[in-house]
Amino acid sequence: YAIVHGFKIDGTAPLRSVMSLVAIGITTF
């Protein structure tokens, strides 16, 4: 995310990133 979008928080990219992190967390749990 940092390589592609830098530290910008706009559009749907942050939401997609959060969804991915949540999915990883749930799978780990």
mmCIF file of all heavy atoms, coordinates in Angstrom:
data_MODEL
# 
_entry.id   MODEL 
# 
loop_
_atom_site.group_PDB 
_atom_site.id 
_atom_site.type_symbol 
_atom_site.label_atom_id 
_atom_site.label_alt_id 
_atom_site.label_comp_id 
_atom_site.label_asym_id 
_atom_site.label_entity_id 
_atom_site.label_seq_id 
_atom_site.pdbx_PDB_ins_code 
_atom_site.Cartn_x 
_atom_site.Cartn_y 
_atom_site.Cartn_z 
_atom_site.occupancy 
_atom_site.B_iso_or_equiv 
_atom_site.pdbx_formal_charge 
_atom_site.auth_seq_id 
_atom_site.auth_comp_id 
_atom_site.auth_asym_id 
_atom_site.auth_atom_id 
_atom_site.pdbx_PDB_model_num 
ATOM 1   N N   . TYR A 1 1  ? 0.842   -1.209  0.000  1.00 0.00 ? 1  TYR A N   1 
ATOM 2   C CA  . TYR A 1 1  ? 0.000   0.000   0.000  1.00 0.00 ? 1  TYR A CA  1 
ATOM 3   C C   . TYR A 1 1  ? 0.873   1.254   0.000  1.00 0.00 ? 1  TYR A C   1 
ATOM 4   O O   . TYR A 1 1  ? 0.584   2.225   -0.729 1.00 0.00 ? 1  TYR A O   1 
ATOM 5   C CB  . TYR A 1 1  ? -0.914  -0.013  1.226  1.00 0.00 ? 1  TYR A CB  1 
ATOM 6   C CG  . TYR A 1 1  ? -1.804  1.208   1.307  1.00 0.00 ? 1  TYR A CG  1 
ATOM 7   C CD1 . TYR A 1 1  ? -3.042  1.225   0.684  1.00 0.00 ? 1  TYR A CD1 1 
ATOM 8   C CD2 . TYR A 1 1  ? -1.398  2.345   2.006  1.00 0.00 ? 1  TYR A CD2 1 
ATOM 9   C CE1 . TYR A 1 1  ? -3.859  2.350   0.750  1.00 0.00 ? 1  TYR A CE1 1 
ATOM 10  C CE2 . TYR A 1 1  ? -2.204  3.466   2.078  1.00 0.00 ? 1  TYR A CE2 1 
ATOM 11  C CZ  . TYR A 1 1  ? -3.436  3.468   1.451  1.00 0.00 ? 1  TYR A CZ  1 
ATOM 12  O OH  . TYR A 1 1  ? -4.241  4.590   1.504  1.00 0.00 ? 1  TYR A OH  1 
ATOM 13  N N   . ALA A 1 2  ? 1.943   1.248   0.806  1.00 0.00 ? 2  ALA A N   1 
ATOM 14  C CA  . ALA A 1 2  ? 2.820   2.421   0.881  1.00 0.00 ? 2  ALA A CA  1 
ATOM 15  C C   . ALA A 1 2  ? 3.529   2.666   -0.447 1.00 0.00 ? 2  ALA A C   1 
ATOM 16  O O   . ALA A 1 2  ? 3.712   3.819   -0.868 1.00 0.00 ? 2  ALA A O   1 
ATOM 17  C CB  . ALA A 1 2  ? 3.840   2.233   2.001  1.00 0.00 ? 2  ALA A CB  1 
ATOM 18  N N   . ILE A 1 3  ? 3.923   1.617   -1.138 1.00 0.00 ? 3  ILE A N   1 
ATOM 19  C CA  . ILE A 1 3  ? 4.605   1.771   -2.426 1.00 0.00 ? 3  ILE A CA  1 
ATOM 20  C C   . ILE A 1 3  ? 3.667   2.339   -3.485 1.00 0.00 ? 3  ILE A C   1 
ATOM 21  O O   . ILE A 1 3  ? 4.040   3.225   -4.269 1.00 0.00 ? 3  ILE A O   1 
ATOM 22  C CB  . ILE A 1 3  ? 5.177   0.410   -2.890 1.00 0.00 ? 3  ILE A CB  1 
ATOM 23  C CG1 . ILE A 1 3  ? 6.307   -0.035  -1.957 1.00 0.00 ? 3  ILE A CG1 1 
ATOM 24  C CG2 . ILE A 1 3  ? 5.678   0.500   -4.328 1.00 0.00 ? 3  ILE A CG2 1 
ATOM 25  C CD1 . ILE A 1 3  ? 6.838   -1.422  -2.251 1.00 0.00 ? 3  ILE A CD1 1 
ATOM 26  N N   . VAL A 1 4  ? 2.451   1.838   -3.489 1.00 0.00 ? 4  VAL A N   1 
ATOM 27  C CA  . VAL A 1 4  ? 1.502   2.236   -4.536 1.00 0.00 ? 4  VAL A CA  1 
ATOM 28  C C   . VAL A 1 4  ? 0.830   3.564   -4.215 1.00 0.00 ? 4  VAL A C   1 
ATOM 29  O O   . VAL A 1 4  ? 0.690   4.433   -5.089 1.00 0.00 ? 4  VAL A O   1 
ATOM 30  C CB  . VAL A 1 4  ? 0.433   1.139   -4.726 1.00 0.00 ? 4  VAL A CB  1 
ATOM 31  C CG1 . VAL A 1 4  ? -0.611  1.579   -5.751 1.00 0.00 ? 4  VAL A CG1 1 
ATOM 32  C CG2 . VAL A 1 4  ? 1.085   -0.163  -5.163 1.00 0.00 ? 4  VAL A CG2 1 
ATOM 33  N N   . HIS A 1 5  ? 0.404   3.747   -2.973 1.00 0.00 ? 5  HIS A N   1 
ATOM 34  C CA  . HIS A 1 5  ? -0.410  4.920   -2.628 1.00 0.00 ? 5  HIS A CA  1 
ATOM 35  C C   . HIS A 1 5  ? 0.314   5.900   -1.708 1.00 0.00 ? 5  HIS A C   1 
ATOM 36  O O   . HIS A 1 5  ? -0.230  6.983   -1.429 1.00 0.00 ? 5  HIS A O   1 
ATOM 37  C CB  . HIS A 1 5  ? -1.714  4.471   -1.949 1.00 0.00 ? 5  HIS A CB  1 
ATOM 38  C CG  . HIS A 1 5  ? -2.511  3.520   -2.780 1.00 0.00 ? 5  HIS A CG  1 
ATOM 39  N ND1 . HIS A 1 5  ? -3.246  3.916   -3.873 1.00 0.00 ? 5  HIS A ND1 1 
ATOM 40  C CD2 . HIS A 1 5  ? -2.670  2.170   -2.676 1.00 0.00 ? 5  HIS A CD2 1 
ATOM 41  C CE1 . HIS A 1 5  ? -3.857  2.860   -4.402 1.00 0.00 ? 5  HIS A CE1 1 
ATOM 42  N NE2 . HIS A 1 5  ? -3.511  1.788   -3.695 1.00 0.00 ? 5  HIS A NE2 1 
ATOM 43  N N   . GLY A 1 6  ? 1.483   5.548   -1.244 1.00 0.00 ? 6  GLY A N   1 
ATOM 44  C CA  . GLY A 1 6  ? 2.161   6.432   -0.305 1.00 0.00 ? 6  GLY A CA  1 
ATOM 45  C C   . GLY A 1 6  ? 1.375   6.502   0.998  1.00 0.00 ? 6  GLY A C   1 
ATOM 46  O O   . GLY A 1 6  ? 0.858   5.501   1.483  1.00 0.00 ? 6  GLY A O   1 
ATOM 47  N N   . PHE A 1 7  ? 1.280   7.691   1.551  1.00 0.00 ? 7  PHE A N   1 
ATOM 48  C CA  . PHE A 1 7  ? 0.544   7.867   2.800  1.00 0.00 ? 7  PHE A CA  1 
ATOM 49  C C   . PHE A 1 7  ? -0.779  8.595   2.574  1.00 0.00 ? 7  PHE A C   1 
ATOM 50  O O   . PHE A 1 7  ? -1.363  9.160   3.502  1.00 0.00 ? 7  PHE A O   1 
ATOM 51  C CB  . PHE A 1 7  ? 1.397   8.645   3.807  1.00 0.00 ? 7  PHE A CB  1 
ATOM 52  C CG  . PHE A 1 7  ? 2.647   7.905   4.207  1.00 0.00 ? 7  PHE A CG  1 
ATOM 53  C CD1 . PHE A 1 7  ? 3.860   8.193   3.600  1.00 0.00 ? 7  PHE A CD1 1 
ATOM 54  C CD2 . PHE A 1 7  ? 2.591   6.908   5.160  1.00 0.00 ? 7  PHE A CD2 1 
ATOM 55  C CE1 . PHE A 1 7  ? 5.011   7.497   3.956  1.00 0.00 ? 7  PHE A CE1 1 
ATOM 56  C CE2 . PHE A 1 7  ? 3.734   6.213   5.519  1.00 0.00 ? 7  PHE A CE2 1 
ATOM 57  C CZ  . PHE A 1 7  ? 4.952   6.511   4.916  1.00 0.00 ? 7  PHE A CZ  1 
ATOM 58  N N   . LYS A 1 8  ? -1.249  8.541   1.346  1.00 0.00 ? 8  LYS A N   1 
ATOM 59  C CA  . LYS A 1 8  ? -2.532  9.171   1.029  1.00 0.00 ? 8  LYS A CA  1 
ATOM 60  C C   . LYS A 1 8  ? -3.676  8.288   1.500  1.00 0.00 ? 8  LYS A C   1 
ATOM 61  O O   . LYS A 1 8  ? -3.650  7.080   1.335  1.00 0.00 ? 8  LYS A O   1 
ATOM 62  C CB  . LYS A 1 8  ? -2.645  9.398   -0.475 1.00 0.00 ? 8  LYS A CB  1 
ATOM 63  C CG  . LYS A 1 8  ? -1.607  10.364  -1.043 1.00 0.00 ? 8  LYS A CG  1 
ATOM 64  C CD  . LYS A 1 8  ? -1.788  10.513  -2.535 1.00 0.00 ? 8  LYS A CD  1 
ATOM 65  C CE  . LYS A 1 8  ? -0.737  11.462  -3.124 1.00 0.00 ? 8  LYS A CE  1 
ATOM 66  N NZ  . LYS A 1 8  ? -0.894  11.627  -4.593 1.00 0.00 ? 8  LYS A NZ  1 
ATOM 67  N N   . ILE A 1 9  ? -4.659  8.932   2.078  1.00 0.00 ? 9  ILE A N   1 
ATOM 68  C CA  . ILE A 1 9  ? -5.848  8.207   2.529  1.00 0.00 ? 9  ILE A CA  1 
ATOM 69  C C   . ILE A 1 9  ? -7.050  8.800   1.803  1.00 0.00 ? 9  ILE A C   1 
ATOM 70  O O   . ILE A 1 9  ? -7.757  9.675   2.307  1.00 0.00 ? 9  ILE A O   1 
ATOM 71  C CB  . ILE A 1 9  ? -6.030  8.317   4.055  1.00 0.00 ? 9  ILE A CB  1 
ATOM 72  C CG1 . ILE A 1 9  ? -4.784  7.826   4.778  1.00 0.00 ? 9  ILE A CG1 1 
ATOM 73  C CG2 . ILE A 1 9  ? -7.246  7.513   4.513  1.00 0.00 ? 9  ILE A CG2 1 
ATOM 74  C CD1 . ILE A 1 9  ? -4.858  7.931   6.275  1.00 0.00 ? 9  ILE A CD1 1 
ATOM 75  N N   . ASP A 1 10 ? -7.248  8.339   0.581  1.00 0.00 ? 10 ASP A N   1 
ATOM 76  C CA  . ASP A 1 10 ? -8.390  8.802   -0.194 1.00 0.00 ? 10 ASP A CA  1 
ATOM 77  C C   . ASP A 1 10 ? -8.837  7.691   -1.124 1.00 0.00 ? 10 ASP A C   1 
ATOM 78  O O   . ASP A 1 10 ? -8.113  6.737   -1.402 1.00 0.00 ? 10 ASP A O   1 
ATOM 79  C CB  . ASP A 1 10 ? -8.041  10.064  -0.997 1.00 0.00 ? 10 ASP A CB  1 
ATOM 80  C CG  . ASP A 1 10 ? -6.840  9.843   -1.919 1.00 0.00 ? 10 ASP A CG  1 
ATOM 81  O OD1 . ASP A 1 10 ? -6.300  8.722   -1.916 1.00 0.00 ? 10 ASP A OD1 1 
ATOM 82  O OD2 . ASP A 1 10 ? -6.449  10.778  -2.618 1.00 0.00 ? 10 ASP A OD2 1 
ATOM 83  N N   . GLY A 1 11 ? -10.057 7.790   -1.617 1.00 0.00 ? 11 GLY A N   1 
ATOM 84  C CA  . GLY A 1 11 ? -10.600 6.773   -2.503 1.00 0.00 ? 11 GLY A CA  1 
ATOM 85  C C   . GLY A 1 11 ? -10.936 5.490   -1.748 1.00 0.00 ? 11 GLY A C   1 
ATOM 86  O O   . GLY A 1 11 ? -11.110 5.467   -0.526 1.00 0.00 ? 11 GLY A O   1 
ATOM 87  N N   . THR A 1 12 ? -10.985 4.400   -2.502 1.00 0.00 ? 12 THR A N   1 
ATOM 88  C CA  . THR A 1 12 ? -11.343 3.101   -1.909 1.00 0.00 ? 12 THR A CA  1 
ATOM 89  C C   . THR A 1 12 ? -10.119 2.266   -1.499 1.00 0.00 ? 12 THR A C   1 
ATOM 90  O O   . THR A 1 12 ? -10.276 1.218   -0.882 1.00 0.00 ? 12 THR A O   1 
ATOM 91  C CB  . THR A 1 12 ? -12.174 2.288   -2.915 1.00 0.00 ? 12 THR A CB  1 
ATOM 92  O OG1 . THR A 1 12 ? -11.393 2.079   -4.115 1.00 0.00 ? 12 THR A OG1 1 
ATOM 93  C CG2 . THR A 1 12 ? -13.466 3.023   -3.280 1.00 0.00 ? 12 THR A CG2 1 
ATOM 94  N N   . ALA A 1 13 ? -8.927  2.739   -1.844 1.00 0.00 ? 13 ALA A N   1 
ATOM 95  C CA  . ALA A 1 13 ? -7.717  1.975   -1.524 1.00 0.00 ? 13 ALA A CA  1 
ATOM 96  C C   . ALA A 1 13 ? -7.566  1.718   -0.027 1.00 0.00 ? 13 ALA A C   1 
ATOM 97  O O   . ALA A 1 13 ? -7.259  0.587   0.381  1.00 0.00 ? 13 ALA A O   1 
ATOM 98  C CB  . ALA A 1 13 ? -6.490  2.682   -2.081 1.00 0.00 ? 13 ALA A CB  1 
ATOM 99  N N   . PRO A 1 14 ? -7.749  2.738   0.841  1.00 0.00 ? 14 PRO A N   1 
ATOM 100 C CA  . PRO A 1 14 ? -7.629  2.472   2.282  1.00 0.00 ? 14 PRO A CA  1 
ATOM 101 C C   . PRO A 1 14 ? -8.635  1.432   2.765  1.00 0.00 ? 14 PRO A C   1 
ATOM 102 O O   . PRO A 1 14 ? -8.297  0.589   3.602  1.00 0.00 ? 14 PRO A O   1 
ATOM 103 C CB  . PRO A 1 14 ? -7.873  3.841   2.919  1.00 0.00 ? 14 PRO A CB  1 
ATOM 104 C CG  . PRO A 1 14 ? -7.537  4.823   1.850  1.00 0.00 ? 14 PRO A CG  1 
ATOM 105 C CD  . PRO A 1 14 ? -7.963  4.177   0.574  1.00 0.00 ? 14 PRO A CD  1 
ATOM 106 N N   . LEU A 1 15 ? -9.862  1.494   2.226  1.00 0.00 ? 15 LEU A N   1 
ATOM 107 C CA  . LEU A 1 15 ? -10.887 0.532   2.640  1.00 0.00 ? 15 LEU A CA  1 
ATOM 108 C C   . LEU A 1 15 ? -10.490 -0.887  2.228  1.00 0.00 ? 15 LEU A C   1 
ATOM 109 O O   . LEU A 1 15 ? -10.644 -1.839  3.015  1.00 0.00 ? 15 LEU A O   1 
ATOM 110 C CB  . LEU A 1 15 ? -12.231 0.905   2.024  1.00 0.00 ? 15 LEU A CB  1 
ATOM 111 C CG  . LEU A 1 15 ? -13.407 -0.032  2.354  1.00 0.00 ? 15 LEU A CG  1 
ATOM 112 C CD1 . LEU A 1 15 ? -13.630 -0.075  3.857  1.00 0.00 ? 15 LEU A CD1 1 
ATOM 113 C CD2 . LEU A 1 15 ? -14.671 0.426   1.623  1.00 0.00 ? 15 LEU A CD2 1 
ATOM 114 N N   . ARG A 1 16 ? -9.970  -1.024  1.017  1.00 0.00 ? 16 ARG A N   1 
ATOM 115 C CA  . ARG A 1 16 ? -9.535  -2.342  0.558  1.00 0.00 ? 16 ARG A CA  1 
ATOM 116 C C   . ARG A 1 16 ? -8.391  -2.857  1.416  1.00 0.00 ? 16 ARG A C   1 
ATOM 117 O O   . ARG A 1 16 ? -8.310  -4.046  1.739  1.00 0.00 ? 16 ARG A O   1 
ATOM 118 C CB  . ARG A 1 16 ? -9.102  -2.281  -0.910 1.00 0.00 ? 16 ARG A CB  1 
ATOM 119 C CG  . ARG A 1 16 ? -10.225 -1.950  -1.894 1.00 0.00 ? 16 ARG A CG  1 
ATOM 120 C CD  . ARG A 1 16 ? -9.824  -2.309  -3.311 1.00 0.00 ? 16 ARG A CD  1 
ATOM 121 N NE  . ARG A 1 16 ? -8.578  -1.650  -3.716 1.00 0.00 ? 16 ARG A NE  1 
ATOM 122 C CZ  . ARG A 1 16 ? -8.526  -0.458  -4.314 1.00 0.00 ? 16 ARG A CZ  1 
ATOM 123 N NH1 . ARG A 1 16 ? -9.652  0.217   -4.543 1.00 0.00 ? 16 ARG A NH1 1 
ATOM 124 N NH2 . ARG A 1 16 ? -7.375  0.083   -4.659 1.00 0.00 ? 16 ARG A NH2 1 
ATOM 125 N N   . SER A 1 17 ? -7.503  -1.975  1.794  1.00 0.00 ? 17 SER A N   1 
ATOM 126 C CA  . SER A 1 17 ? -6.376  -2.371  2.636  1.00 0.00 ? 17 SER A CA  1 
ATOM 127 C C   . SER A 1 17 ? -6.840  -2.833  4.009  1.00 0.00 ? 17 SER A C   1 
ATOM 128 O O   . SER A 1 17 ? -6.367  -3.844  4.533  1.00 0.00 ? 17 SER A O   1 
ATOM 129 C CB  . SER A 1 17 ? -5.395  -1.206  2.777  1.00 0.00 ? 17 SER A CB  1 
ATOM 130 O OG  . SER A 1 17 ? -4.277  -1.580  3.567  1.00 0.00 ? 17 SER A OG  1 
ATOM 131 N N   . VAL A 1 18 ? -7.784  -2.076  4.579  1.00 0.00 ? 18 VAL A N   1 
ATOM 132 C CA  . VAL A 1 18 ? -8.322  -2.459  5.891  1.00 0.00 ? 18 VAL A CA  1 
ATOM 133 C C   . VAL A 1 18 ? -9.028  -3.809  5.803  1.00 0.00 ? 18 VAL A C   1 
ATOM 134 O O   . VAL A 1 18 ? -8.878  -4.665  6.695  1.00 0.00 ? 18 VAL A O   1 
ATOM 135 C CB  . VAL A 1 18 ? -9.283  -1.376  6.407  1.00 0.00 ? 18 VAL A CB  1 
ATOM 136 C CG1 . VAL A 1 18 ? -10.030 -1.875  7.656  1.00 0.00 ? 18 VAL A CG1 1 
ATOM 137 C CG2 . VAL A 1 18 ? -8.520  -0.101  6.738  1.00 0.00 ? 18 VAL A CG2 1 
ATOM 138 N N   . MET A 1 19 ? -9.784  -4.018  4.730  1.00 0.00 ? 19 MET A N   1 
ATOM 139 C CA  . MET A 1 19 ? -10.470 -5.295  4.546  1.00 0.00 ? 19 MET A CA  1 
ATOM 140 C C   . MET A 1 19 ? -9.457  -6.451  4.498  1.00 0.00 ? 19 MET A C   1 
ATOM 141 O O   . MET A 1 19 ? -9.677  -7.517  5.087  1.00 0.00 ? 19 MET A O   1 
ATOM 142 C CB  . MET A 1 19 ? -11.292 -5.273  3.256  1.00 0.00 ? 19 MET A CB  1 
ATOM 143 C CG  . MET A 1 19 ? -12.529 -4.389  3.304  1.00 0.00 ? 19 MET A CG  1 
ATOM 144 S SD  . MET A 1 19 ? -13.352 -4.312  1.680  1.00 0.00 ? 19 MET A SD  1 
ATOM 145 C CE  . MET A 1 19 ? -13.604 -6.054  1.339  1.00 0.00 ? 19 MET A CE  1 
ATOM 146 N N   . SER A 1 20 ? -8.355  -6.226  3.828  1.00 0.00 ? 20 SER A N   1 
ATOM 147 C CA  . SER A 1 20 ? -7.330  -7.266  3.720  1.00 0.00 ? 20 SER A CA  1 
ATOM 148 C C   . SER A 1 20 ? -6.715  -7.565  5.085  1.00 0.00 ? 20 SER A C   1 
ATOM 149 O O   . SER A 1 20 ? -6.529  -8.732  5.454  1.00 0.00 ? 20 SER A O   1 
ATOM 150 C CB  . SER A 1 20 ? -6.237  -6.831  2.747  1.00 0.00 ? 20 SER A CB  1 
ATOM 151 O OG  . SER A 1 20 ? -6.775  -6.606  1.455  1.00 0.00 ? 20 SER A OG  1 
ATOM 152 N N   . LEU A 1 21 ? -6.401  -6.501  5.840  1.00 0.00 ? 21 LEU A N   1 
ATOM 153 C CA  . LEU A 1 21 ? -5.811  -6.696  7.163  1.00 0.00 ? 21 LEU A CA  1 
ATOM 154 C C   . LEU A 1 21 ? -6.773  -7.405  8.110  1.00 0.00 ? 21 LEU A C   1 
ATOM 155 O O   . LEU A 1 21 ? -6.360  -8.262  8.904  1.00 0.00 ? 21 LEU A O   1 
ATOM 156 C CB  . LEU A 1 21 ? -5.375  -5.351  7.746  1.00 0.00 ? 21 LEU A CB  1 
ATOM 157 C CG  . LEU A 1 21 ? -4.275  -4.611  6.967  1.00 0.00 ? 21 LEU A CG  1 
ATOM 158 C CD1 . LEU A 1 21 ? -3.983  -3.267  7.627  1.00 0.00 ? 21 LEU A CD1 1 
ATOM 159 C CD2 . LEU A 1 21 ? -3.013  -5.454  6.895  1.00 0.00 ? 21 LEU A CD2 1 
ATOM 160 N N   . VAL A 1 22 ? -8.049  -7.043  8.020  1.00 0.00 ? 22 VAL A N   1 
ATOM 161 C CA  . VAL A 1 22 ? -9.055  -7.704  8.857  1.00 0.00 ? 22 VAL A CA  1 
ATOM 162 C C   . VAL A 1 22 ? -9.160  -9.177  8.490  1.00 0.00 ? 22 VAL A C   1 
ATOM 163 O O   . VAL A 1 22 ? -9.257  -10.050 9.365  1.00 0.00 ? 22 VAL A O   1 
ATOM 164 C CB  . VAL A 1 22 ? -10.418 -7.008  8.714  1.00 0.00 ? 22 VAL A CB  1 
ATOM 165 C CG1 . VAL A 1 22 ? -11.519 -7.840  9.368  1.00 0.00 ? 22 VAL A CG1 1 
ATOM 166 C CG2 . VAL A 1 22 ? -10.373 -5.622  9.332  1.00 0.00 ? 22 VAL A CG2 1 
ATOM 167 N N   . ALA A 1 23 ? -9.134  -9.463  7.182  1.00 0.00 ? 23 ALA A N   1 
ATOM 168 C CA  . ALA A 1 23 ? -9.211  -10.856 6.737  1.00 0.00 ? 23 ALA A CA  1 
ATOM 169 C C   . ALA A 1 23 ? -8.024  -11.666 7.247  1.00 0.00 ? 23 ALA A C   1 
ATOM 170 O O   . ALA A 1 23 ? -8.181  -12.806 7.698  1.00 0.00 ? 23 ALA A O   1 
ATOM 171 C CB  . ALA A 1 23 ? -9.272  -10.914 5.215  1.00 0.00 ? 23 ALA A CB  1 
ATOM 172 N N   . ILE A 1 24 ? -6.843  -11.071 7.206  1.00 0.00 ? 24 ILE A N   1 
ATOM 173 C CA  . ILE A 1 24 ? -5.643  -11.757 7.719  1.00 0.00 ? 24 ILE A CA  1 
ATOM 174 C C   . ILE A 1 24 ? -5.780  -11.994 9.221  1.00 0.00 ? 24 ILE A C   1 
ATOM 175 O O   . ILE A 1 24 ? -5.461  -13.075 9.727  1.00 0.00 ? 24 ILE A O   1 
ATOM 176 C CB  . ILE A 1 24 ? -4.380  -10.936 7.424  1.00 0.00 ? 24 ILE A CB  1 
ATOM 177 C CG1 . ILE A 1 24 ? -4.145  -10.850 5.904  1.00 0.00 ? 24 ILE A CG1 1 
ATOM 178 C CG2 . ILE A 1 24 ? -3.163  -11.541 8.115  1.00 0.00 ? 24 ILE A CG2 1 
ATOM 179 C CD1 . ILE A 1 24 ? -3.021  -9.906  5.518  1.00 0.00 ? 24 ILE A CD1 1 
ATOM 180 N N   . GLY A 1 25 ? -6.269  -10.976 9.940  1.00 0.00 ? 25 GLY A N   1 
ATOM 181 C CA  . GLY A 1 25 ? -6.431  -11.109 11.383 1.00 0.00 ? 25 GLY A CA  1 
ATOM 182 C C   . GLY A 1 25 ? -7.434  -12.186 11.758 1.00 0.00 ? 25 GLY A C   1 
ATOM 183 O O   . GLY A 1 25 ? -7.179  -12.997 12.660 1.00 0.00 ? 25 GLY A O   1 
ATOM 184 N N   . ILE A 1 26 ? -8.575  -12.209 11.068 1.00 0.00 ? 26 ILE A N   1 
ATOM 185 C CA  . ILE A 1 26 ? -9.604  -13.210 11.358 1.00 0.00 ? 26 ILE A CA  1 
ATOM 186 C C   . ILE A 1 26 ? -9.087  -14.613 11.052 1.00 0.00 ? 26 ILE A C   1 
ATOM 187 O O   . ILE A 1 26 ? -9.294  -15.556 11.829 1.00 0.00 ? 26 ILE A O   1 
ATOM 188 C CB  . ILE A 1 26 ? -10.883 -12.912 10.552 1.00 0.00 ? 26 ILE A CB  1 
ATOM 189 C CG1 . ILE A 1 26 ? -11.533 -11.621 11.056 1.00 0.00 ? 26 ILE A CG1 1 
ATOM 190 C CG2 . ILE A 1 26 ? -11.865 -14.075 10.655 1.00 0.00 ? 26 ILE A CG2 1 
ATOM 191 C CD1 . ILE A 1 26 ? -12.736 -11.188 10.255 1.00 0.00 ? 26 ILE A CD1 1 
ATOM 192 N N   . THR A 1 27 ? -8.396  -14.764 9.922  1.00 0.00 ? 27 THR A N   1 
ATOM 193 C CA  . THR A 1 27 ? -7.856  -16.070 9.556  1.00 0.00 ? 27 THR A CA  1 
ATOM 194 C C   . THR A 1 27 ? -6.827  -16.542 10.573 1.00 0.00 ? 27 THR A C   1 
ATOM 195 O O   . THR A 1 27 ? -6.790  -17.722 10.941 1.00 0.00 ? 27 THR A O   1 
ATOM 196 C CB  . THR A 1 27 ? -7.220  -16.015 8.156  1.00 0.00 ? 27 THR A CB  1 
ATOM 197 O OG1 . THR A 1 27 ? -8.182  -15.549 7.207  1.00 0.00 ? 27 THR A OG1 1 
ATOM 198 C CG2 . THR A 1 27 ? -6.720  -17.384 7.737  1.00 0.00 ? 27 THR A CG2 1 
ATOM 199 N N   . THR A 1 28 ? -6.011  -15.612 11.040 1.00 0.00 ? 28 THR A N   1 
ATOM 200 C CA  . THR A 1 28 ? -5.005  -15.962 12.051 1.00 0.00 ? 28 THR A CA  1 
ATOM 201 C C   . THR A 1 28 ? -5.669  -16.408 13.342 1.00 0.00 ? 28 THR A C   1 
ATOM 202 O O   . THR A 1 28 ? -5.282  -17.415 13.946 1.00 0.00 ? 28 THR A O   1 
ATOM 203 C CB  . THR A 1 28 ? -4.088  -14.761 12.335 1.00 0.00 ? 28 THR A CB  1 
ATOM 204 O OG1 . THR A 1 28 ? -3.433  -14.365 11.123 1.00 0.00 ? 28 THR A OG1 1 
ATOM 205 C CG2 . THR A 1 28 ? -3.043  -15.110 13.384 1.00 0.00 ? 28 THR A CG2 1 
ATOM 206 N N   . PHE A 1 29 ? -6.688  -15.674 13.769 1.00 0.00 ? 29 PHE A N   1 
ATOM 207 C CA  . PHE A 1 29 ? -7.405  -16.023 14.996 1.00 0.00 ? 29 PHE A CA  1 
ATOM 208 C C   . PHE A 1 29 ? -8.036  -17.400 14.888 1.00 0.00 ? 29 PHE A C   1 
ATOM 209 O O   . PHE A 1 29 ? -7.915  -18.233 15.807 1.00 0.00 ? 29 PHE A O   1 
ATOM 210 C CB  . PHE A 1 29 ? -8.479  -14.974 15.279 1.00 0.00 ? 29 PHE A CB  1 
ATOM 211 C CG  . PHE A 1 29 ? -9.415  -15.341 16.394 1.00 0.00 ? 29 PHE A CG  1 
ATOM 212 C CD1 . PHE A 1 29 ? -9.013  -15.229 17.716 1.00 0.00 ? 29 PHE A CD1 1 
ATOM 213 C CD2 . PHE A 1 29 ? -10.693 -15.810 16.124 1.00 0.00 ? 29 PHE A CD2 1 
ATOM 214 C CE1 . PHE A 1 29 ? -9.872  -15.582 18.755 1.00 0.00 ? 29 PHE A CE1 1 
ATOM 215 C CE2 . PHE A 1 29 ? -11.548 -16.164 17.153 1.00 0.00 ? 29 PHE A CE2 1 
ATOM 216 C CZ  . PHE A 1 29 ? -11.140 -16.045 18.467 1.00 0.00 ? 29 PHE A CZ  1 
# 
